[in-house]
Protein backbone atom coordinates (compact mmCIF):
# COMPACT_ATOMS: atom_id res chain seq x y z
CA MET A 1 15.25 -2.26 -6.83
CA HIS A 2 15.18 -0.20 -3.52
CA TRP A 3 13.41 2.40 -1.58
CA VAL A 4 14.79 5.83 -2.21
CA LYS A 5 15.66 6.24 1.50
CA ASP A 6 17.86 3.27 0.87
CA CYS A 7 19.54 4.31 -2.48
CA PRO A 8 23.23 4.23 -2.49
CA HIS A 9 23.11 6.67 -5.09
CA THR A 10 21.49 9.62 -3.61
CA ASN A 11 24.23 11.79 -4.08
CA HIS A 12 26.07 10.52 -6.91
CA LYS A 13 26.19 12.86 -10.08
CA CYS A 14 25.32 10.97 -13.32
CA ARG A 15 27.82 11.13 -16.13
CA GLU A 16 25.25 10.82 -18.90
CA CYS A 17 22.75 13.53 -17.81
CA GLY A 18 24.42 15.43 -15.21
CA GLU A 19 21.48 15.02 -12.80
CA VAL A 20 22.28 13.83 -8.94
CA GLY A 21 20.67 10.88 -7.60
CA HIS A 22 20.90 8.02 -10.25
CA TRP A 23 23.54 6.27 -12.11
CA ARG A 24 24.18 6.12 -16.00
CA ASN A 25 22.11 3.46 -17.00
CA ALA A 26 19.09 4.81 -15.75
CA ALA A 27 19.57 8.24 -17.65
CA ALA A 28 20.81 6.02 -20.75
CA SER A 29 17.23 4.21 -20.35
CA ARG A 30 15.27 7.33 -21.17
CA SER A 31 16.12 7.39 -24.88
CA ILE A 32 15.16 3.97 -25.50
CA GLY A 33 11.65 2.48 -25.60
CA LEU A 34 8.78 2.96 -23.19
CA ALA A 35 8.81 -0.39 -21.48
CA GLU A 36 12.59 -0.41 -20.84
CA SER A 37 12.22 3.35 -20.03
CA PHE A 38 9.53 2.47 -17.12
CA ILE A 39 11.57 -0.17 -15.83
CA ALA A 40 14.74 1.74 -15.36
CA GLN A 41 12.77 5.03 -14.24
CA ARG A 42 10.68 3.03 -11.47
CA ASP A 43 13.87 3.15 -9.12
CA LEU A 44 13.74 6.98 -9.63
CA LEU A 45 10.41 7.38 -8.04
CA LYS A 46 10.14 9.45 -5.06
CA PRO A 47 7.61 9.02 -2.38
CA SER A 48 6.42 12.47 -2.75
CA ARG A 49 5.98 12.26 -6.68
CA VAL A 50 3.81 8.91 -5.98
CA ARG A 51 1.58 10.30 -3.27
CA ALA A 52 -0.38 12.42 -5.61
CA SER A 53 -1.77 8.93 -7.41
CA ARG A 54 -2.62 6.88 -4.26
CA LYS A 55 -5.96 6.25 -3.32
CA PHE A 56 -7.41 6.15 0.09
CA VAL A 57 -11.16 4.89 1.05
CA GLU A 58 -12.84 5.67 4.50
CA VAL A 59 -14.11 2.47 6.09
CA SER A 60 -15.51 1.49 9.09
CA ILE A 61 -14.36 -1.46 11.18
CA ASN A 62 -16.60 -2.59 13.80
CA GLY A 63 -18.08 1.19 13.86
CA VAL A 64 -14.74 2.97 13.95
CA GLY A 65 -13.69 5.04 10.72
CA ILE A 66 -10.17 4.23 9.21
CA ARG A 67 -8.96 5.31 6.01
CA LEU A 68 -7.41 2.60 4.02
CA GLN A 69 -5.12 2.67 1.00
CA LEU A 70 -6.69 1.12 -1.96
CA ASP A 71 -4.34 -1.42 -2.89
CA THR A 72 -5.21 -3.70 -6.06
CA GLY A 73 -2.26 -5.77 -5.78
CA SER A 74 -2.75 -6.78 -2.39
CA ASP A 75 -4.65 -9.99 -1.96
CA ILE A 76 -5.78 -9.40 1.43
CA SER A 77 -6.81 -6.29 3.57
CA VAL A 78 -4.42 -5.44 6.50
CA ILE A 79 -4.14 -2.97 9.16
CA GLY A 80 -1.32 -2.33 11.73
CA ARG A 81 -0.93 -2.98 15.46
CA SER A 82 -1.94 0.63 16.22
CA ALA A 83 -5.24 0.43 13.79
CA TRP A 84 -5.99 -2.68 15.50
CA GLU A 85 -5.75 -1.19 18.68
CA LYS A 86 -8.05 1.48 17.64
CA VAL A 87 -10.97 -0.67 16.57
CA GLY A 88 -10.95 -2.11 20.30
CA LYS A 89 -8.33 -4.83 20.24
CA PRO A 90 -10.86 -7.37 18.77
CA SER A 91 -9.52 -11.26 19.77
CA LEU A 92 -7.16 -12.60 17.12
CA VAL A 93 -6.75 -16.08 15.77
CA GLN A 94 -4.16 -17.65 13.89
CA PRO A 95 -3.62 -16.23 10.33
CA THR A 96 -5.23 -18.73 7.60
CA VAL A 97 -2.82 -17.09 4.99
CA CYS A 98 0.83 -16.50 4.80
CA ALA A 99 1.49 -12.97 3.48
CA LYS A 100 4.29 -11.42 1.49
CA THR A 101 5.07 -8.02 0.61
CA ALA A 102 5.58 -6.50 -2.88
CA SER A 103 9.21 -7.59 -2.73
CA ASN A 104 8.32 -11.17 -1.85
CA GLU A 105 9.33 -11.06 1.66
CA ARG A 106 7.39 -12.54 4.32
CA LEU A 107 4.92 -10.18 6.26
CA GLU A 108 4.36 -11.08 9.73
CA LEU A 109 0.93 -11.04 10.69
CA LEU A 110 -0.05 -10.83 14.22
CA GLY A 111 -3.47 -12.76 13.45
CA GLU A 112 -6.78 -11.94 11.93
CA PHE A 113 -10.35 -11.35 13.15
CA ARG A 114 -13.97 -11.19 11.94
CA ALA A 115 -15.45 -7.62 11.72
CA GLU A 116 -18.31 -5.83 10.66
CA VAL A 117 -16.77 -3.78 7.62
CA ALA A 118 -18.74 -0.77 6.35
CA ILE A 119 -17.63 1.22 2.88
CA CYS A 120 -20.13 3.61 1.58
CA ASN A 121 -23.65 2.51 2.53
CA ALA A 122 -22.91 -1.21 2.65
CA THR A 123 -22.14 -3.22 5.73
CA LYS A 124 -20.58 -6.77 5.50
CA PRO A 125 -18.87 -9.24 7.77
CA ALA A 126 -15.00 -9.74 6.72
CA ILE A 127 -11.95 -10.70 7.71
CA ILE A 128 -9.29 -8.38 8.54
CA ARG A 129 -5.42 -9.29 9.14
CA VAL A 130 -3.20 -7.35 11.59
CA ALA A 131 0.43 -7.00 11.14
CA GLN A 132 3.24 -5.69 13.29
CA VAL A 133 3.89 -3.04 10.96
CA ASP A 134 1.67 -0.13 10.39
CA LEU A 135 -0.11 -0.82 7.35
CA LEU A 136 -3.62 0.38 6.34
CA LEU A 137 -4.45 -1.55 3.23
CA LEU A 138 -7.56 -2.40 1.59
CA GLY A 139 -7.05 -5.31 -0.72
CA ALA A 140 -8.58 -7.51 -3.32
CA ASP A 141 -10.56 -9.63 -0.79
CA LEU A 142 -12.63 -6.32 0.23
CA ILE A 143 -12.68 -5.40 -3.23
CA ASP A 144 -14.30 -8.47 -4.24
CA LEU A 145 -16.65 -8.66 -1.12
CA PHE A 146 -17.96 -5.09 -2.16
CA ALA A 147 -17.74 -5.78 -5.69
CA LEU A 148 -15.75 -2.39 -5.82
CA SER A 149 -14.18 -3.42 -9.00
CA ALA A 150 -17.18 -3.21 -11.12
CA VAL A 151 -17.71 0.47 -10.29
CA PRO A 152 -15.54 3.39 -11.04
CA MET A 153 -13.36 4.74 -7.91
CA ASP A 154 -15.11 8.20 -8.15
CA VAL A 155 -18.69 6.35 -7.98
CA PHE A 156 -18.03 3.99 -5.34
CA CYS A 157 -16.51 6.44 -2.90
CA ALA A 158 -16.75 9.94 -3.50
CA LYS A 159 -14.47 9.86 -0.12
CA VAL A 160 -11.30 8.60 -2.00
CA SER A 161 -8.77 11.31 -1.40
CA THR A 162 -4.92 11.82 -2.30
CA THR A 163 -4.24 14.54 0.37
CA ALA A 164 -3.21 12.31 3.00
CA GLN A 165 0.50 11.96 3.83
CA ILE A 166 1.93 8.29 3.90
CA ARG A 167 4.67 7.52 6.35
CA PHE A 168 6.87 4.74 5.45
CA SER A 169 8.00 2.93 8.79
CA GLN A 170 10.80 0.71 9.12
CA GLY A 171 9.90 -2.72 10.25
CA SER A 172 10.88 -6.10 9.80
CA CYS A 173 9.28 -7.97 7.17
CA ARG A 174 11.11 -11.12 7.39
């Protein structure tokens, strides 16, 4: 699997369906079962199609408002260097976790810091990790800390938005 921007088949015309942008096996999988079709079609997703389903939460880190992407697949909440600078460059300590990306590559963390995090009307102390790359992820650690999984998303934060544009930055995760 690969990102659309890295796809070697972007200009390839499928011999099965005649569409441009994928190879024959992806088109053939459309006629098979749902699970097999999903596996084959996940490579066909373009960021513009996925953007509409992403959820964002307005949080405050040490009194500074930041929009984090809700990521239930991430064990930790991570911000990038620019967001860390925005919240005042709190002192970092060595990370207590080893982070990996969704593709199982190492995610280089610059460190972590303790912060006062506010979501909706609750404020709690939490650990925020800082990555070299510009990530803005609200992970399972904060979801659990604020008990957000027990409440429907539209209730715990009416500020959830899908209108933000996501920029994919190229950075080394090795």
